[in-house]
C-alpha atoms as a PDB file:
ATOM      1  CA  MET A   1     100.994  67.889  94.389  1.00  0.00           C
ATOM      2  CA  TYR A   2      99.348  71.008  92.979  1.00  0.00           C
ATOM      3  CA  GLU A   3      99.326  72.504  89.508  1.00  0.00           C
ATOM      4  CA  LEU A   4      98.909  76.182  88.666  1.00  0.00           C
ATOM      5  CA  GLU A   5      97.696  77.993  85.604  1.00  0.00           C
ATOM      6  CA  ALA A   6      98.222  81.747  85.832  1.00  0.00           C
ATOM      7  CA  LYS A   7      97.039  84.412  83.393  1.00  0.00           C
ATOM      8  CA  VAL A   8      98.036  88.035  83.927  1.00  0.00           C
ATOM      9  CA  ASN A   9      96.587  90.676  81.595  1.00  0.00           C
ATOM     10  CA  GLY A  10      95.476  87.858  79.278  1.00  0.00           C
ATOM     11  CA  ASN A  11      99.004  86.447  78.949  1.00  0.00           C
ATOM     12  CA  VAL A  12      99.795  82.981  80.269  1.00  0.00           C
ATOM     13  CA  ILE A  13     102.477  83.368  82.935  1.00  0.00           C
ATOM     14  CA  ALA A  14     102.444  79.794  84.214  1.00  0.00           C
ATOM     15  CA  HIS A  15     100.885  76.737  82.587  1.00  0.00           C
ATOM     16  CA  GLY A  16     101.170  73.432  84.383  1.00  0.00           C
ATOM     17  CA  LYS A  17     103.625  74.756  86.985  1.00  0.00           C
ATOM     18  CA  ARG A  18     103.765  72.202  89.792  1.00  0.00           C
ATOM     19  CA  PHE A  19     104.166  72.717  93.506  1.00  0.00           C
ATOM     20  CA  SER A  20     104.632  70.182  96.272  1.00  0.00           C
ATOM     21  CA  SER A  21     102.324  72.066  98.655  1.00  0.00           C
ATOM     22  CA  LEU A  22      99.451  74.504  98.509  1.00  0.00           C
ATOM     23  CA  LYS A  23     101.479  76.930 100.616  1.00  0.00           C
ATOM     24  CA  ALA A  24     104.202  77.025  97.946  1.00  0.00           C
ATOM     25  CA  ALA A  25     101.605  77.709  95.240  1.00  0.00           C
ATOM     26  CA  TYR A  26     100.115  80.583  97.245  1.00  0.00           C
ATOM     27  CA  ARG A  27     103.607  81.984  97.872  1.00  0.00           C
ATOM     28  CA  TYR A  28     104.253  82.019  94.104  1.00  0.00           C
ATOM     29  CA  ILE A  29     100.880  83.676  93.429  1.00  0.00           C
ATOM     30  CA  SER A  30     101.623  86.270  96.104  1.00  0.00           C
ATOM     31  CA  SER A  31     104.908  87.153  94.436  1.00  0.00           C
ATOM     32  CA  LEU A  32     103.130  87.583  91.080  1.00  0.00           C
ATOM     33  CA  LEU A  33     100.496  89.784  92.696  1.00  0.00           C
ATOM     34  CA  ASN A  34     103.231  91.978  94.176  1.00  0.00           C
ATOM     35  CA  ILE A  35     105.122  92.230  90.878  1.00  0.00           C
ATOM     36  CA  TYR A  36     102.053  93.190  88.836  1.00  0.00           C
ATOM     37  CA  SER A  37     100.261  95.177  91.601  1.00  0.00           C
ATOM     38  CA  PHE A  38      97.015  93.204  91.532  1.00  0.00           C
ATOM     39  CA  GLN A  39      94.590  92.205  94.274  1.00  0.00           C
ATOM     40  CA  ILE A  40      92.332  89.164  94.431  1.00  0.00           C
ATOM     41  CA  GLN A  41      88.691  90.217  93.959  1.00  0.00           C
ATOM     42  CA  GLU A  42      86.882  86.856  94.036  1.00  0.00           C
ATOM     43  CA  GLU A  43      87.548  83.193  94.867  1.00  0.00           C
ATOM     44  CA  TYR A  44      85.747  80.154  93.471  1.00  0.00           C
ATOM     45  CA  ASP A  45      85.856  76.473  94.335  1.00  0.00           C
ATOM     46  CA  GLY A  46      84.746  74.358  91.417  1.00  0.00           C
ATOM     47  CA  ILE A  47      85.228  71.007  89.766  1.00  0.00           C
ATOM     48  CA  ASN A  48      88.278  72.386  87.927  1.00  0.00           C
ATOM     49  CA  GLY A  49      89.992  73.487  91.133  1.00  0.00           C
ATOM     50  CA  HIS A  50      90.332  76.654  93.177  1.00  0.00           C
ATOM     51  CA  GLU A  51      90.253  79.854  91.152  1.00  0.00           C
ATOM     52  CA  LEU A  52      91.450  83.273  92.287  1.00  0.00           C
ATOM     53  CA  VAL A  53      90.217  86.166  90.139  1.00  0.00           C
ATOM     54  CA  CYS A  54      91.623  89.682  89.989  1.00  0.00           C
ATOM     55  CA  ASP A  55      89.755  90.792  86.862  1.00  0.00           C
ATOM     56  CA  TYR A  56      88.520  89.243  83.619  1.00  0.00           C
ATOM     57  CA  TYR A  57      92.051  88.956  82.192  1.00  0.00           C
ATOM     58  CA  THR A  58      93.951  88.101  85.377  1.00  0.00           C
ATOM     59  CA  ARG A  59      93.221  84.837  87.161  1.00  0.00           C
ATOM     60  CA  PHE A  60      94.941  81.929  88.862  1.00  0.00           C
ATOM     61  CA  CYS A  61      93.630  78.363  88.917  1.00  0.00           C
ATOM     62  CA  ILE A  62      95.059  75.778  91.323  1.00  0.00           C
ATOM     63  CA  THR A  63      94.219  72.109  90.843  1.00  0.00           C
ATOM     64  CA  GLN A  64      95.247  69.181  92.988  1.00  0.00           C
ATOM     65  CA  ILE A  65      96.837  66.373  91.006  1.00  0.00           C
ATOM     66  CA  ASN A  66      97.939  62.870  91.870  1.00  0.00           C
ATOM     67  CA  ALA A  67     101.583  62.407  91.001  1.00  0.00           C
END
């Protein structure tokens, strides 16, 4: 199970949205990127999960959770 926190232009779009697979989470992020016309600039793997960054105000963080 995966959990997503998405901020677009500083506004929280998704907080705690859960997905059964990583593929489903990436599909959702892809749809948001298409809607808002953003591109991923950087990717980070950290202790808080996998973070995709478009700019300072637009970022997506995916964490794996045990449910």
